[in-house]
Amino acid sequence: MPGEAGAEAPSGGTVILGVSMTERAGRKMITVTIKGEKKQFPQGTTYETVAAPYQEAYDNMIAVVSVNGKIRELFKKLTKDCTIDFFTLRDDVGYKTYVRTATMLFLKGIYDVFGSKAAQGSRVEFAIGHGSYIRAGEGVLVSAKSARQIKDRMWQLVEQKTPFYKRLYSLDDAMELFRTQGMRDKEKLFRYRRSSFVNIYEIEGYYDYYYGYMLPNAGYVKWFDVIPYDEGFMLLLPSKKNPSVVEPFTERKKLFATLKESEEWGRKVGIETVGDLNDQICSGSLSELILVQEAKQERKIGEIAKDIVSRGNVKFVMIAGPSSSGKTSFSHRLSIQLRTLGKVPHPIALDDYFVDREFTPRDEKGDYNFECLEAIDIKKFNEDMCRLLKGEGLELPTFNFKTGKREYNGKYKKLGPDDILVIEGIHGLNEKTSYALPEESKYKIYISALTNINIDEHNRIPTTDGRLLRRLVRDARTRGADAKRTISMWPSVRRGEEENIFPYQEDADAMFNSVLIYELAVLKQFAEPLLFQISKEDKEYHEAKRLLKFLDYFLGVTSESLPNNSICREFVGGSCFQV
């Protein structure tokens, strides 16, 4: 019977996941330490059973456990004495497990309603808010009826608590399985795997590969919605902050168009997945790809510069984006393009208007909150910009991050008829930042590294992973910060982005995707040694291990072929700009 514990997997794979073992007299007892308290369970008890009595102590669902410091799925079983901690949907690893499981459940719904080709051809492309956009495969008519059919089938599996099975396959058997199922992207991905075995998940006859952990059964996926959108569907899921509520979909047309444009460009150059990129590297044609990608970005920057100039009255270019988006390199390259059009750009960092350190607001933990709008002297910024707009000359401040004080060091500025201020800062798109400036004098740009390749068709690469790797490499090179510190700070950085940047994305006059289709293969060489420095005793170890596993999919390349004005140079070094 398919999915039964101990059953023989297709193509010789070995089942390593099953239902709880039947109680047998005389079974060895295992000592488990939970929250400092020792408990005893029969050997072979699932972690799901161990976690059940503790669920009521948490305000949201337990998704995975940590066993002696290693993440384990709930369907795994006790084998020896251990210490167990629980991760819920509010924890990053737990939330990602929920998203991953819901995604496979959705594709199983497609598989059951529209057939195997529809599931094979469906592509999990990118996230919009808390929704995953999934482009529909062959034979799927995108409509409200189709969305309802998929959702109804998913709910049937949820109500039946249909189990997920995890099987260990040899690499050859895994490639053969996906070759027969028409999933060539996975076959290509596995061709570059160094390990001899791979884990594959199965739910009621549907097989797929996933990068990360999975919940035990469909019954855990209690919160989701499916709606038709563009050429596919939005799989709507709860947020990590509020994991038991699915909020209505908020459309973000400009962001969606930017993401879709990047995906389509990847298709045109034949690089949609990591396997495609690895093929390109092996063929020796990566240098040409780098030049094509860089030329595409330069053309886009030139188009933005032309739009700024065509408006006639723009004096302030406001650039905002999340951490490690490449804002500094972008602002330099935009300035060069503006110069070719006869304009005289001047860079200004909004950070120079920080309030003195003692006046900086603090967060709930008592730490300085440099991300909030109140950390900026907005009144002074607007006064200075208005004076410049009137043609007055003035001395601009520079913030001394060592002393925590604003200083004046003779940086005088006066705007001529062709002068434009290029202002960079996380609050640049927030209207409150520039409330006193006439709307026609401002041009707002949102920039982010919006990843445009997938691991495979069903495993997208979160944009946050690419940005985190960028920051790891840059922080180690320019700030002397190790990977442990960067990872520990990342949740706080992400919260600041959610509050201060993402809500204003759609207010931008232009969006720029700074991601480079090849960059993860370059960053790999710099990031891996940093991540390997994090030890098992560190709380950042789980994230470091996840990133190392992620980077293992890529063939590494050197940075020698990168142009010296490349945005990637801002992170790996060698830029012609002061970044």
Protein backbone atom coordinates (compact mmCIF):
# COMPACT_ATOMS: atom_id res chain seq x y z
CA MET A 1 0.00 0.00 0.00
CA PRO A 2 1.54 3.38 -1.02
CA GLY A 3 2.84 5.43 1.89
CA GLU A 4 2.67 2.61 4.44
CA ALA A 5 5.56 2.54 6.93
CA GLY A 6 8.16 0.07 5.78
CA ALA A 7 6.85 -0.05 2.22
CA GLU A 8 9.33 -0.32 -0.63
CA ALA A 9 9.82 3.03 -2.35
CA PRO A 10 9.77 3.20 -6.15
CA SER A 11 13.11 2.63 -7.89
CA GLY A 12 14.64 1.02 -4.81
CA GLY A 13 14.36 3.95 -2.40
CA THR A 14 14.20 3.16 1.30
CA VAL A 15 11.36 4.43 3.44
CA ILE A 16 12.66 6.36 6.45
CA LEU A 17 9.36 7.91 7.52
CA GLY A 18 6.29 6.17 8.80
CA VAL A 19 3.50 6.21 11.35
CA SER A 20 4.13 5.69 15.06
CA MET A 21 5.40 2.23 16.01
CA THR A 22 2.99 -0.10 17.73
CA GLU A 23 3.60 -0.25 21.48
CA ARG A 24 5.47 -3.38 22.45
CA ALA A 25 6.13 -4.69 25.93
CA GLY A 26 9.72 -4.44 27.05
CA ARG A 27 10.63 -1.63 24.64
CA LYS A 28 13.60 0.45 25.76
CA MET A 29 12.67 3.69 27.51
CA ILE A 30 14.28 6.97 26.39
CA THR A 31 14.97 9.87 28.77
CA VAL A 32 14.00 13.22 27.26
CA THR A 33 14.82 16.57 28.88
CA ILE A 34 12.26 19.27 28.10
CA LYS A 35 12.46 22.70 29.73
CA GLY A 36 14.80 21.26 32.36
CA GLU A 37 12.37 18.46 33.23
CA LYS A 38 13.17 14.80 32.50
CA LYS A 39 10.50 12.60 30.92
CA GLN A 40 10.53 9.01 29.77
CA PHE A 41 9.12 7.73 26.47
CA PRO A 42 9.31 4.34 24.72
CA GLN A 43 11.99 4.14 22.05
CA GLY A 44 10.42 4.84 18.65
CA THR A 45 7.95 7.43 19.94
CA THR A 46 7.54 10.24 17.41
CA TYR A 47 8.49 13.78 18.31
CA GLU A 48 4.91 14.69 17.43
CA THR A 49 3.74 12.54 20.35
CA VAL A 50 6.40 14.05 22.63
CA ALA A 51 5.32 17.58 21.68
CA ALA A 52 1.56 17.05 22.05
CA PRO A 53 1.29 17.61 25.85
CA TYR A 54 3.27 20.85 25.56
CA GLN A 55 1.23 22.38 22.73
CA GLU A 56 -1.24 24.11 25.07
CA ALA A 57 1.65 26.06 26.61
CA TYR A 58 2.22 27.80 23.25
CA ASP A 59 -0.09 30.33 21.62
CA ASN A 60 0.61 28.88 18.16
CA MET A 61 1.42 25.55 16.57
CA ILE A 62 4.62 23.58 17.22
CA ALA A 63 6.13 22.83 13.81
CA VAL A 64 9.55 21.23 14.39
CA VAL A 65 11.79 20.29 17.31
CA SER A 66 15.45 20.72 18.15
CA VAL A 67 17.02 17.48 19.37
CA ASN A 68 20.41 18.00 21.02
CA GLY A 69 20.71 21.16 18.93
CA LYS A 70 19.69 19.60 15.60
CA ILE A 71 16.38 20.38 13.88
CA ARG A 72 14.14 17.34 13.50
CA GLU A 73 10.76 16.90 11.85
CA LEU A 74 7.87 15.86 14.06
CA PHE A 75 7.44 12.50 12.35
CA LYS A 76 10.97 11.41 13.27
CA LYS A 77 11.37 9.06 16.26
CA LEU A 78 13.22 8.91 19.53
CA THR A 79 16.31 6.75 19.35
CA LYS A 80 18.41 7.84 22.34
CA ASP A 81 18.41 10.09 25.41
CA CYS A 82 18.21 13.73 24.37
CA THR A 83 17.24 17.31 25.13
CA ILE A 84 14.34 18.70 23.11
CA ASP A 85 13.26 22.27 22.36
CA PHE A 86 10.21 23.29 20.36
CA PHE A 87 9.91 25.68 17.41
CA THR A 88 6.52 27.18 16.55
CA LEU A 89 5.18 29.07 13.54
CA ARG A 90 6.48 32.28 15.10
CA ASP A 91 10.04 30.97 14.74
CA ASP A 92 11.69 31.31 11.37
CA VAL A 93 12.40 27.60 10.92
CA GLY A 94 8.86 26.69 11.97
CA TYR A 95 7.24 29.25 9.70
CA LYS A 96 9.28 28.17 6.68
CA THR A 97 8.28 24.57 7.39
CA TYR A 98 4.61 25.60 7.28
CA VAL A 99 5.04 27.53 4.00
CA ARG A 100 6.90 24.61 2.42
CA THR A 101 4.25 22.08 3.47
CA ALA A 102 1.39 24.29 2.27
CA THR A 103 3.15 24.69 -1.09
CA MET A 104 3.46 20.94 -1.61
CA LEU A 105 -0.16 20.54 -0.55
CA PHE A 106 -1.17 23.11 -3.17
CA LEU A 107 0.77 21.27 -5.89
CA LYS A 108 -0.82 18.01 -4.77
CA GLY A 109 -4.18 19.77 -5.25
CA ILE A 110 -3.14 20.78 -8.79
CA TYR A 111 -1.96 17.19 -9.40
CA ASP A 112 -5.27 15.67 -8.29
CA VAL A 113 -7.56 18.17 -10.02
CA PHE A 114 -5.72 18.81 -13.30
CA GLY A 115 -3.23 15.95 -13.65
CA SER A 116 0.50 15.32 -13.42
CA LYS A 117 1.57 17.59 -16.31
CA ALA A 118 -0.21 20.52 -14.67
CA ALA A 119 1.68 19.94 -11.42
CA GLN A 120 5.01 19.40 -13.18
CA GLY A 121 4.65 22.62 -15.17
CA SER A 122 3.45 24.81 -12.32
CA ARG A 123 6.19 27.12 -11.08
CA VAL A 124 6.45 28.67 -7.63
CA GLU A 125 7.80 32.04 -8.69
CA PHE A 126 7.89 34.66 -5.94
CA ALA A 127 6.23 36.06 -2.85
CA ILE A 128 3.97 39.11 -2.80
CA GLY A 129 3.35 39.98 0.83
CA HIS A 130 2.31 36.72 2.46
CA GLY A 131 1.17 35.18 -0.80
CA SER A 132 3.16 32.91 -3.09
CA TYR A 133 2.55 33.46 -6.78
CA ILE A 134 2.44 30.12 -8.59
CA ARG A 135 2.29 30.20 -12.37
CA ALA A 136 -0.11 27.53 -13.62
CA GLY A 137 1.11 24.56 -15.58
CA GLU A 138 -0.20 22.97 -18.76
CA GLY A 139 -3.94 22.37 -18.93
CA VAL A 140 -4.95 24.62 -16.05
CA LEU A 141 -7.53 27.28 -16.81
CA VAL A 142 -6.90 30.12 -14.37
CA SER A 143 -10.26 31.06 -12.90
CA ALA A 144 -12.14 31.42 -9.63
CA LYS A 145 -13.62 27.96 -10.28
CA SER A 146 -10.18 26.39 -10.67
CA ALA A 147 -8.96 28.10 -7.50
CA ARG A 148 -11.97 26.75 -5.61
CA GLN A 149 -11.37 23.22 -6.94
CA ILE A 150 -7.74 23.26 -5.83
CA LYS A 151 -8.66 24.71 -2.44
CA ASP A 152 -11.43 22.13 -1.92
CA ARG A 153 -9.05 19.27 -2.69
CA MET A 154 -6.49 20.71 -0.29
CA TRP A 155 -9.12 20.88 2.44
CA GLN A 156 -10.05 17.24 1.85
CA LEU A 157 -6.43 16.27 2.46
CA VAL A 158 -6.30 18.52 5.53
CA GLU A 159 -9.44 16.98 7.04
CA GLN A 160 -8.13 13.47 6.36
CA LYS A 161 -4.78 14.40 7.93
CA THR A 162 -3.12 12.78 4.94
CA PRO A 163 0.49 12.00 5.92
CA PHE A 164 3.65 13.18 4.22
CA TYR A 165 6.29 10.50 3.77
CA LYS A 166 9.99 11.13 3.50
CA ARG A 167 12.09 8.60 1.63
CA LEU A 168 15.80 8.36 1.09
CA TYR A 169 16.76 7.70 -2.54
CA SER A 170 20.08 7.09 -4.17
CA LEU A 171 20.90 9.99 -6.47
CA ASP A 172 20.51 7.81 -9.58
CA ASP A 173 17.11 6.54 -8.44
CA ALA A 174 15.94 10.06 -7.61
CA MET A 175 16.96 11.32 -11.04
CA GLU A 176 15.20 8.40 -12.68
CA LEU A 177 12.03 9.03 -10.65
CA PHE A 178 11.81 12.67 -11.68
CA ARG A 179 12.84 11.88 -15.26
CA THR A 180 9.85 9.55 -15.58
CA GLN A 181 7.60 12.19 -14.01
CA GLY A 182 8.77 14.85 -16.45
CA MET A 183 10.44 17.02 -13.77
CA ARG A 184 13.61 17.71 -15.71
CA ASP A 185 14.50 20.68 -13.50
CA LYS A 186 15.01 18.36 -10.52
CA GLU A 187 16.94 15.86 -12.60
CA LYS A 188 19.26 18.69 -13.67
CA LEU A 189 19.59 19.93 -10.08
CA PHE A 190 20.60 16.50 -8.78
CA ARG A 191 23.23 16.16 -11.49
CA TYR A 192 25.34 18.63 -9.50
CA ARG A 193 24.74 17.09 -6.07
CA ARG A 194 27.87 15.89 -4.27
CA SER A 195 26.06 13.56 -1.83
CA SER A 196 25.05 10.08 -2.94
CA PHE A 197 21.52 10.23 -1.55
CA VAL A 198 18.61 12.64 -1.53
CA ASN A 199 15.38 12.90 0.51
CA ILE A 200 12.11 12.98 -1.42
CA TYR A 201 8.65 13.66 0.00
CA GLU A 202 5.47 11.91 -1.00
CA ILE A 203 1.81 12.54 -0.24
CA GLU A 204 -0.71 10.04 -1.54
CA GLY A 205 1.17 9.16 -4.73
CA TYR A 206 2.54 12.62 -5.49
CA TYR A 207 6.35 12.87 -5.24
CA ASP A 208 8.39 16.07 -4.97
CA TYR A 209 11.69 17.39 -3.70
CA TYR A 210 11.86 20.18 -1.12
CA TYR A 211 14.74 22.15 0.30
CA GLY A 212 14.00 22.03 4.04
CA TYR A 213 11.71 20.43 6.58
CA MET A 214 8.10 19.29 6.30
CA LEU A 215 5.14 18.89 8.68
CA PRO A 216 3.90 15.35 9.48
CA ASN A 217 0.55 15.51 7.73
CA ALA A 218 -1.80 17.82 5.84
CA GLY A 219 -3.88 18.33 8.99
CA TYR A 220 -1.29 20.84 10.20
CA VAL A 221 -1.99 23.17 7.27
CA LYS A 222 -5.01 24.86 8.83
CA TRP A 223 -4.69 28.38 7.45
CA PHE A 224 -4.54 29.15 3.72
CA ASP A 225 -6.50 30.49 0.78
CA VAL A 226 -6.21 30.18 -3.00
CA ILE A 227 -7.20 32.90 -5.45
CA PRO A 228 -6.65 33.26 -9.23
CA TYR A 229 -4.09 35.88 -10.20
CA ASP A 230 -2.52 36.80 -13.54
CA GLU A 231 -1.29 33.57 -15.21
CA GLY A 232 -1.65 31.46 -12.08
CA PHE A 233 -2.72 31.55 -8.48
CA MET A 234 -1.85 33.22 -5.22
CA LEU A 235 -1.44 30.78 -2.36
CA LEU A 236 -2.24 33.02 0.60
CA LEU A 237 -0.77 32.08 3.96
CA PRO A 238 -0.62 33.71 7.41
CA SER A 239 2.30 35.87 8.48
CA LYS A 240 4.91 34.77 11.00
CA LYS A 241 3.73 37.59 13.24
CA ASN A 242 0.13 36.37 13.21
CA PRO A 243 0.35 32.70 12.13
CA SER A 244 -3.30 31.74 12.59
CA VAL A 245 -4.89 34.45 10.40
CA VAL A 246 -4.89 34.64 6.60
CA GLU A 247 -5.27 38.29 5.70
CA PRO A 248 -6.96 39.38 2.44
CA PHE A 249 -4.59 39.72 -0.50
CA THR A 250 -3.20 43.22 -1.01
CA GLU A 251 -2.29 43.75 -4.64
CA ARG A 252 1.12 45.28 -5.37
CA LYS A 253 1.03 45.89 -9.10
CA LYS A 254 4.40 47.63 -9.49
CA LEU A 255 6.27 45.03 -7.46
CA PHE A 256 4.54 42.18 -9.28
CA ALA A 257 5.39 43.68 -12.68
CA THR A 258 9.05 44.09 -11.66
CA LEU A 259 9.27 40.50 -10.41
CA LYS A 260 7.53 39.12 -13.47
CA GLU A 261 9.83 41.07 -15.80
CA SER A 262 12.85 39.52 -14.07
CA GLU A 263 11.39 36.02 -14.32
CA GLU A 264 10.66 36.48 -18.02
CA TRP A 265 14.18 37.72 -18.68
CA GLY A 266 15.55 34.61 -16.98
CA ARG A 267 13.47 32.47 -19.32
CA LYS A 268 14.77 34.38 -22.36
CA VAL A 269 18.41 33.75 -21.44
CA GLY A 270 17.65 30.14 -20.50
CA ILE A 271 18.38 30.41 -16.79
CA GLU A 272 15.33 29.72 -14.64
CA THR A 273 16.83 27.37 -12.07
CA VAL A 274 20.11 26.67 -10.28
CA GLY A 275 20.62 23.68 -12.58
CA ASP A 276 20.44 26.02 -15.59
CA LEU A 277 23.01 28.34 -14.01
CA ASN A 278 25.34 25.43 -13.21
CA ASP A 279 25.05 24.28 -16.84
CA GLN A 280 26.06 27.77 -17.99
CA ILE A 281 29.06 27.76 -15.66
CA CYS A 282 30.18 24.35 -16.90
CA SER A 283 29.85 25.42 -20.53
CA GLY A 284 32.35 28.22 -19.96
CA SER A 285 29.95 30.95 -21.08
CA LEU A 286 29.44 32.67 -17.74
CA SER A 287 31.62 35.68 -18.66
CA GLU A 288 29.29 36.51 -21.53
CA LEU A 289 26.25 36.13 -19.25
CA ILE A 290 27.81 38.55 -16.76
CA LEU A 291 28.30 41.17 -19.48
CA VAL A 292 24.74 40.71 -20.75
CA GLN A 293 23.26 41.01 -17.25
CA GLU A 294 25.33 44.08 -16.41
CA ALA A 295 24.35 45.70 -19.73
CA LYS A 296 20.70 45.04 -18.97
CA GLN A 297 21.01 46.72 -15.58
CA GLU A 298 22.83 49.71 -17.07
CA ARG A 299 20.11 50.11 -19.68
CA LYS A 300 17.44 50.07 -16.97
CA ILE A 301 19.33 52.68 -14.91
CA GLY A 302 19.61 54.82 -18.05
CA GLU A 303 15.84 54.57 -18.61
CA ILE A 304 15.18 55.73 -15.04
CA ALA A 305 17.58 58.67 -15.52
CA LYS A 306 15.77 59.69 -18.73
CA ASP A 307 12.42 59.55 -16.95
CA ILE A 308 13.76 61.77 -14.14
CA VAL A 309 15.04 64.38 -16.61
CA SER A 310 11.90 64.26 -18.76
CA ARG A 311 9.80 65.44 -15.82
CA GLY A 312 11.60 68.75 -15.81
CA ASN A 313 11.10 69.85 -12.20
CA VAL A 314 12.80 67.02 -10.29
CA LYS A 315 15.34 68.24 -7.75
CA PHE A 316 15.25 65.36 -5.25
CA VAL A 317 15.71 61.71 -6.18
CA MET A 318 14.66 59.65 -3.16
CA ILE A 319 16.12 56.12 -3.14
CA ALA A 320 14.92 53.52 -0.63
CA GLY A 321 15.19 49.79 -0.30
CA PRO A 322 15.84 47.03 2.23
CA SER A 323 19.25 46.09 3.60
CA SER A 324 21.90 44.99 1.09
CA SER A 325 19.90 46.03 -1.96
CA GLY A 326 22.90 47.79 -3.47
CA LYS A 327 21.53 51.29 -2.90
CA THR A 328 24.96 52.94 -2.79
CA SER A 329 26.26 51.45 -6.05
CA PHE A 330 22.93 52.15 -7.70
CA SER A 331 22.97 55.80 -6.64
CA HIS A 332 26.49 56.22 -8.10
CA ARG A 333 25.52 54.59 -11.39
CA LEU A 334 22.32 56.62 -11.58
CA SER A 335 24.34 59.78 -10.97
CA ILE A 336 26.63 58.91 -13.89
CA GLN A 337 23.61 58.42 -16.15
CA LEU A 338 22.17 61.75 -15.01
CA ARG A 339 25.48 63.42 -15.88
CA THR A 340 25.29 62.07 -19.43
CA LEU A 341 21.95 63.90 -19.70
CA GLY A 342 23.42 67.21 -18.58
CA LYS A 343 22.44 67.07 -14.92
CA VAL A 344 24.72 67.63 -11.93
CA PRO A 345 23.85 65.07 -9.21
CA HIS A 346 24.92 65.36 -5.57
CA PRO A 347 24.64 62.39 -3.17
CA ILE A 348 23.09 62.90 0.27
CA ALA A 349 22.66 60.18 2.91
CA LEU A 350 19.50 60.50 4.97
CA ASP A 351 21.51 58.88 7.78
CA ASP A 352 23.42 62.16 8.15
CA TYR A 353 20.22 63.56 9.65
CA PHE A 354 20.13 61.06 12.51
CA VAL A 355 19.25 62.67 15.83
CA ASP A 356 22.07 62.67 18.39
CA ARG A 357 22.41 59.27 20.02
CA GLU A 358 20.85 60.25 23.37
CA PHE A 359 17.64 61.25 21.57
CA THR A 360 17.37 58.03 19.55
CA PRO A 361 14.19 56.07 20.39
CA ARG A 362 14.54 52.65 21.96
CA ASP A 363 12.69 49.45 21.13
CA GLU A 364 10.82 47.12 23.47
CA LYS A 365 14.13 45.54 24.54
CA GLY A 366 15.65 48.89 25.42
CA ASP A 367 18.01 48.89 22.43
CA TYR A 368 18.41 51.90 20.15
CA ASN A 369 15.92 51.75 17.29
CA PHE A 370 17.80 53.26 14.34
CA GLU A 371 15.20 51.94 11.90
CA CYS A 372 12.24 54.07 13.01
CA LEU A 373 11.37 57.40 11.39
CA GLU A 374 11.82 59.19 14.72
CA ALA A 375 15.55 58.36 14.62
CA ILE A 376 15.81 60.96 11.83
CA ASP A 377 15.57 64.71 12.41
CA ILE A 378 12.82 65.07 9.83
CA LYS A 379 12.12 68.71 10.67
CA LYS A 380 15.74 69.74 10.06
CA PHE A 381 15.94 67.67 6.85
CA ASN A 382 12.87 69.38 5.40
CA GLU A 383 14.07 72.84 6.45
CA ASP A 384 17.42 72.27 4.70
CA MET A 385 15.88 70.83 1.53
CA CYS A 386 13.37 73.70 1.27
CA ARG A 387 16.17 76.24 1.58
CA LEU A 388 18.14 74.49 -1.16
CA LEU A 389 15.03 74.42 -3.35
CA LYS A 390 14.74 78.19 -2.94
CA GLY A 391 18.29 78.60 -4.20
CA GLU A 392 19.89 79.31 -0.82
CA GLY A 393 23.30 77.96 0.12
CA LEU A 394 23.79 76.04 3.36
CA GLU A 395 26.10 73.68 5.22
CA LEU A 396 24.95 70.06 5.25
CA PRO A 397 25.56 67.81 8.27
CA THR A 398 27.58 64.62 8.55
CA PHE A 399 26.67 62.10 11.23
CA ASN A 400 29.58 60.73 13.25
CA PHE A 401 28.62 57.15 14.06
CA LYS A 402 31.47 56.76 16.53
CA THR A 403 30.46 59.72 18.72
CA GLY A 404 26.74 59.48 17.95
CA LYS A 405 26.65 63.19 17.11
CA ARG A 406 25.75 65.26 14.07
CA GLU A 407 28.68 67.36 12.88
CA TYR A 408 29.27 70.20 10.43
CA ASN A 409 32.55 69.88 8.54
CA GLY A 410 32.29 72.48 5.81
CA LYS A 411 30.08 70.51 3.39
CA TYR A 412 28.35 73.46 1.70
CA LYS A 413 25.71 73.06 -0.98
CA LYS A 414 23.75 75.34 -3.28
CA LEU A 415 21.55 74.09 -6.09
CA GLY A 416 22.09 75.40 -9.62
CA PRO A 417 19.57 74.99 -12.46
CA ASP A 418 20.90 71.54 -13.41
CA ASP A 419 21.66 70.26 -9.91
CA ILE A 420 19.81 67.24 -8.49
CA LEU A 421 20.16 65.79 -5.00
CA VAL A 422 20.32 61.98 -4.94
CA ILE A 423 19.09 61.08 -1.46
CA GLU A 424 19.51 57.56 -0.12
CA GLY A 425 17.83 56.21 3.02
CA ILE A 426 15.36 53.58 4.19
CA HIS A 427 12.61 56.17 4.74
CA GLY A 428 12.95 57.79 1.32
CA LEU A 429 9.56 56.58 0.06
CA ASN A 430 7.65 57.62 3.18
CA GLU A 431 5.81 60.86 2.46
CA LYS A 432 6.39 61.98 6.05
CA THR A 433 10.13 62.10 5.35
CA SER A 434 9.80 64.87 2.76
CA TYR A 435 6.46 66.38 3.78
CA ALA A 436 7.51 69.99 3.04
CA LEU A 437 8.81 69.39 -0.48
CA PRO A 438 6.55 69.90 -3.51
CA GLU A 439 5.48 66.59 -5.03
CA GLU A 440 6.68 67.55 -8.51
CA SER A 441 10.20 68.15 -7.16
CA LYS A 442 10.56 64.51 -6.01
CA TYR A 443 11.23 61.28 -7.86
CA LYS A 444 11.03 58.11 -5.75
CA ILE A 445 12.88 54.88 -6.52
CA TYR A 446 12.44 51.53 -4.79
CA ILE A 447 15.39 49.17 -5.12
CA SER A 448 15.69 45.60 -3.91
CA ALA A 449 17.48 42.35 -4.79
CA LEU A 450 14.49 40.40 -6.13
CA THR A 451 15.83 36.91 -6.81
CA ASN A 452 14.83 35.72 -10.28
CA ILE A 453 15.98 32.09 -10.33
CA ASN A 454 14.63 29.08 -8.45
CA ILE A 455 16.36 26.07 -6.95
CA ASP A 456 13.92 24.13 -9.12
CA GLU A 457 10.37 24.75 -10.37
CA HIS A 458 8.81 24.18 -6.94
CA ASN A 459 11.51 25.62 -4.67
CA ARG A 460 11.88 29.36 -4.98
CA ILE A 461 14.81 31.28 -3.50
CA PRO A 462 13.56 33.89 -0.99
CA THR A 463 14.86 37.36 -1.75
CA THR A 464 15.84 37.66 1.93
CA ASP A 465 18.35 34.79 1.55
CA GLY A 466 20.20 36.58 -1.22
CA ARG A 467 20.27 39.84 0.72
CA LEU A 468 21.44 38.12 3.90
CA LEU A 469 24.33 36.49 2.02
CA ARG A 470 25.25 39.85 0.50
CA ARG A 471 25.29 41.42 3.95
CA LEU A 472 27.31 38.59 5.51
CA VAL A 473 30.05 39.08 2.94
CA ARG A 474 30.03 42.89 3.09
CA ASP A 475 29.90 43.11 6.90
CA ALA A 476 32.90 40.79 7.22
CA ARG A 477 34.87 42.78 4.63
CA THR A 478 34.04 46.36 5.64
CA ARG A 479 32.90 46.27 9.26
CA GLY A 480 34.84 43.40 10.76
CA ALA A 481 31.57 41.73 11.78
CA ASP A 482 31.51 37.95 11.78
CA ALA A 483 28.64 35.90 10.33
CA LYS A 484 27.32 35.11 13.79
CA ARG A 485 26.73 38.79 14.54
CA THR A 486 25.16 39.51 11.13
CA ILE A 487 22.75 36.58 11.46
CA SER A 488 21.83 37.56 15.03
CA MET A 489 20.96 41.10 13.89
CA TRP A 490 19.00 40.01 10.81
CA PRO A 491 15.57 39.53 12.49
CA SER A 492 15.73 43.10 13.81
CA VAL A 493 16.73 44.38 10.37
CA ARG A 494 13.82 42.48 8.81
CA ARG A 495 11.34 43.93 11.30
CA GLY A 496 12.53 47.41 10.41
CA GLU A 497 12.02 46.68 6.72
CA GLU A 498 8.50 45.37 7.28
CA GLU A 499 7.57 48.51 9.20
CA ASN A 500 9.43 51.24 7.33
CA ILE A 501 10.10 50.17 3.73
CA PHE A 502 7.74 47.54 2.33
CA PRO A 503 4.49 49.47 3.08
CA TYR A 504 5.68 52.26 0.74
CA GLN A 505 6.88 50.14 -2.21
CA GLU A 506 3.96 51.01 -4.44
CA ASP A 507 4.51 54.76 -3.92
CA ALA A 508 7.69 54.59 -6.00
CA ASP A 509 7.90 56.21 -9.42
CA ALA A 510 10.31 53.48 -10.51
CA MET A 511 11.42 50.07 -9.24
CA PHE A 512 14.86 48.61 -9.82
CA ASN A 513 15.80 44.97 -9.31
CA SER A 514 19.46 44.91 -8.28
CA VAL A 515 19.82 41.13 -8.27
CA LEU A 516 22.32 39.55 -10.64
CA ILE A 517 21.33 36.17 -11.99
CA TYR A 518 24.84 34.79 -11.40
CA GLU A 519 25.65 36.43 -8.04
CA LEU A 520 24.97 33.53 -5.66
CA ALA A 521 27.64 31.49 -7.44
CA VAL A 522 30.07 34.36 -6.73
CA LEU A 523 28.95 35.03 -3.17
CA LYS A 524 29.33 31.32 -2.35
CA GLN A 525 33.15 31.58 -2.32
CA PHE A 526 33.07 34.42 0.20
CA ALA A 527 30.14 33.31 2.38
CA GLU A 528 30.97 29.66 3.03
CA PRO A 529 34.17 30.25 5.08
CA LEU A 530 32.28 32.80 7.20
CA LEU A 531 29.37 30.44 7.85
CA PHE A 532 31.65 27.51 8.73
CA GLN A 533 33.02 29.61 11.61
CA ILE A 534 29.71 29.35 13.47
CA SER A 535 29.81 26.46 15.94
CA LYS A 536 27.06 24.07 17.01
CA GLU A 537 26.90 25.78 20.40
CA ASP A 538 25.84 29.11 18.83
CA LYS A 539 22.14 29.88 18.51
CA GLU A 540 22.84 31.07 14.95
CA TYR A 541 24.05 27.59 13.97
CA HIS A 542 20.70 26.42 12.53
CA GLU A 543 20.56 29.37 10.15
CA ALA A 544 24.22 28.99 9.19
CA LYS A 545 23.71 25.30 8.44
CA ARG A 546 20.63 26.09 6.33
CA LEU A 547 22.54 28.66 4.29
CA LEU A 548 25.46 26.29 3.78
CA LYS A 549 23.09 23.62 2.51
CA PHE A 550 21.53 26.19 0.21
CA LEU A 551 24.89 27.29 -1.21
CA ASP A 552 25.81 23.66 -1.85
CA TYR A 553 23.40 23.68 -4.81
CA PHE A 554 25.60 26.19 -6.64
CA LEU A 555 28.86 25.70 -8.47
CA GLY A 556 31.19 28.45 -7.29
CA VAL A 557 32.90 30.97 -9.56
CA THR A 558 35.47 33.68 -8.93
CA SER A 559 34.74 37.40 -8.99
CA GLU A 560 37.48 38.14 -11.53
CA SER A 561 35.09 38.66 -14.44
CA LEU A 562 32.90 41.19 -12.61
CA PRO A 563 33.04 44.77 -13.92
CA ASN A 564 34.35 47.19 -11.28
CA ASN A 565 31.05 49.10 -11.27
CA SER A 566 28.96 45.98 -10.69
CA ILE A 567 26.51 46.09 -7.80
CA CYS A 568 27.99 42.76 -6.72
CA ARG A 569 31.31 44.57 -6.16
CA GLU A 570 29.67 46.52 -3.32
CA PHE A 571 29.64 43.25 -1.38
CA VAL A 572 32.65 41.22 -2.54
CA GLY A 573 35.00 44.19 -2.96
CA GLY A 574 36.85 45.79 -5.86
CA SER A 575 34.26 48.45 -6.66
CA CYS A 576 35.31 51.65 -8.40
CA PHE A 577 32.87 53.48 -6.12
CA GLN A 578 33.36 54.32 -2.45
CA VAL A 579 30.98 51.71 -1.04
